[in-house]
Structures are given as C-alpha cells and as structure tokens.
Protein backbone atom coordinates (compact mmCIF):
# COMPACT_ATOMS: atom_id res chain seq x y z
CA MET A 1 -0.06 0.05 -0.07
CA SER A 2 1.50 3.53 -1.29
CA HIS A 3 0.77 6.56 0.55
CA ALA A 4 0.10 8.07 -3.29
CA ASP A 5 -3.09 5.39 -3.05
CA LEU A 6 -4.02 6.61 0.05
CA ARG A 7 -3.59 9.65 -0.84
CA GLU A 8 -5.53 9.16 -4.21
CA LEU A 9 -8.38 7.58 -2.27
CA HIS A 10 -8.72 10.33 0.32
CA THR A 11 -8.85 13.09 -2.21
CA ALA A 12 -11.73 11.25 -4.17
CA LEU A 13 -13.85 10.15 -1.00
CA THR A 14 -13.40 13.88 0.11
CA LEU A 15 -14.63 15.26 -3.21
CA ALA A 16 -17.32 12.75 -3.66
CA ALA A 17 -18.63 13.82 0.15
CA ASP A 18 -18.50 17.36 -0.81
CA LEU A 19 -20.29 16.60 -4.37
CA ALA A 20 -23.44 14.86 -2.85
CA SER A 21 -23.30 17.47 0.46
CA GLY A 22 -23.94 19.72 -2.47
CA LEU A 23 -26.67 17.92 -4.54
CA GLN A 24 -30.28 19.28 -3.88
CA THR A 25 -33.40 17.04 -4.43
CA ALA A 26 -33.75 17.14 -7.97
CA PRO A 27 -30.05 16.96 -8.86
CA SER A 28 -29.20 17.67 -13.08
CA ARG A 29 -28.07 14.57 -14.82
CA GLN A 30 -24.26 16.21 -15.04
CA ASP A 31 -24.14 16.36 -11.30
CA ALA A 32 -24.91 12.88 -11.12
CA ASP A 33 -22.47 11.86 -13.35
CA GLN A 34 -19.73 13.83 -12.63
CA LEU A 35 -20.45 12.37 -8.94
CA VAL A 36 -20.67 8.54 -10.12
CA ASP A 37 -17.13 9.63 -11.84
CA VAL A 38 -15.43 10.41 -8.80
CA LEU A 39 -16.94 7.54 -7.11
CA ARG A 40 -15.40 4.93 -10.03
CA ARG A 41 -12.41 6.99 -9.18
CA ALA A 42 -12.53 6.44 -5.46
CA LEU A 43 -13.24 2.50 -5.95
CA THR A 44 -10.30 2.34 -8.32
CA ALA A 45 -8.01 3.77 -6.02
CA ALA A 46 -9.32 1.60 -3.27
CA GLY A 47 -8.85 -1.60 -5.88
CA SER A 48 -5.34 -0.47 -5.88
CA LEU A 49 -4.17 -0.39 -2.41
CA GLY A 50 -2.09 -3.62 -1.90
CA THR A 51 -1.04 -3.98 -5.38
CA GLU A 52 2.77 -3.12 -5.52
CA THR A 53 4.09 -5.56 -8.25
CA GLY A 54 6.32 -3.39 -10.22
CA PRO A 55 5.25 -0.57 -12.52
CA ALA A 56 2.32 -1.79 -13.75
CA GLY A 57 0.76 -1.69 -10.49
CA SER A 58 1.87 1.13 -9.44
CA PRO A 59 -0.55 4.42 -9.56
CA THR A 60 1.50 5.87 -12.18
CA GLY A 61 2.24 3.02 -14.22
CA CYS A 62 5.61 4.63 -14.40
CA ALA A 63 9.07 2.70 -14.28
CA ALA A 64 11.47 6.17 -13.23
CA HIS A 65 8.51 7.53 -10.92
CA PRO A 66 6.36 4.25 -9.70
CA HIS A 67 5.25 6.13 -6.68
CA GLY A 68 4.87 9.62 -7.95
CA ALA A 69 1.76 11.82 -8.27
CA VAL A 70 -0.66 10.92 -10.57
CA ASP A 71 -1.67 13.81 -13.06
CA PRO A 72 -4.83 14.88 -12.20
CA LEU A 73 -6.02 15.66 -16.23
CA TYR A 74 -5.53 11.62 -16.47
CA GLY A 75 -8.96 10.12 -17.71
CA ASP A 76 -10.19 14.11 -17.54
CA PRO A 77 -13.04 14.06 -20.82
CA GLU A 78 -13.29 17.48 -21.08
CA ASP A 79 -9.45 18.36 -21.53
CA PRO A 80 -7.95 14.87 -22.21
CA LEU A 81 -3.70 14.66 -21.99
CA PRO A 82 -1.98 14.35 -25.52
CA PRO A 83 -1.45 11.00 -27.20
CA GLY A 84 1.49 9.60 -25.61
CA TYR A 85 0.99 10.64 -22.26
CA GLY A 86 0.70 8.78 -19.16
CA LYS A 87 -1.05 9.03 -15.64
CA CYS A 88 2.69 9.92 -14.20
CA LEU A 89 2.89 13.79 -13.84
CA LEU A 90 6.33 13.94 -13.57
CA CYS A 91 6.82 12.25 -17.09
CA ASN A 92 3.55 14.70 -17.86
CA ASP A 93 5.43 17.74 -16.68
CA ARG A 94 8.19 17.06 -18.68
CA ARG A 95 6.68 16.21 -21.92
CA ARG A 96 4.40 19.28 -21.08
CA ARG A 97 7.77 21.48 -20.79
CA ALA A 98 9.33 20.04 -23.99
CA ASP A 99 6.17 20.67 -26.03
CA ALA A 100 6.50 24.61 -24.86
CA ARG A 101 10.13 25.04 -25.73
CA GLN A 102 9.30 23.36 -28.96
CA PRO A 103 8.56 26.52 -30.79
CA LEU A 104 11.09 28.56 -29.67
CA ARG A 105 13.70 25.91 -31.42
CA LEU A 106 12.01 25.52 -34.41
CA ASN A 107 12.16 29.15 -35.06
CA ARG A 108 15.62 30.04 -33.92
CA ARG A 109 17.97 31.24 -36.94
CA ARG A 110 21.56 31.03 -36.71
CA PHE A 111 23.27 34.35 -35.57
CA ARG A 112 25.92 35.63 -37.83
CA GLY A 113 27.76 38.20 -36.76
CA PRO A 114 29.42 40.61 -38.93
CA ASP A 115 32.41 39.25 -39.99
CA CYS A 116 30.62 35.65 -40.85
CA SER A 117 29.72 35.66 -45.01
CA PRO A 118 27.14 33.93 -46.17
C-alpha cells in the first residue's frame, strides 16, 4: 500500500462527499454523472491498495516514478491529455515543458556576426 494510493483514495472520497452534500433535491444529470465519475475514481484507488508489483501495479504505471503523483488531467474527458501521455505527473510535466520549448527551437535562426559571410 503506497502513500499515493491512500492520498488518491482520500481525495476522491472527500470530493465525492463534497459533491453529494451539495446536491439538491433534484440533481441534474450532469451533477449525478460527475458524482459517479468521482466514486469510480475512489473505487479504482481503493482497488489498487496493496498491489505494488512493479511499475504496472503502481499508481502512476511509471518505471521511473512508480510512487510519484498521478496527473490530475489523466482521464479527464473535458481536458484530455495529448497522445502518448501517461498517468505520471512528473513525466507529463517534463513532456509539457519540452512541448512548450519546441516552437522556440524551430524558429531560432543561427546568428551570423558581421565577420561571417553567407
């Protein structure tokens, strides 16, 4: 059982309790779907407790950061992660930073000083 599993379970259950306490007498379908989604996250987190058999059994599924943080955007239907991104927040952050720098590298031109001929 890892600390990340417990933290994910705690977060999902707290969010589910907050959503449930905020429901009105006749909740909308969107509110109900959101609550079901959070409860599924809690169930998944609870099911992963005690399954630490290598990176595949870790919360992140990452060989480099098996006990790292799970990216909060992982599985978000409204703001999905780009293709190739996984659950590991540390690796995804590295990818985001690399993607943000790419246009700068592509648009850079070599500096030619006054002594350089074309």
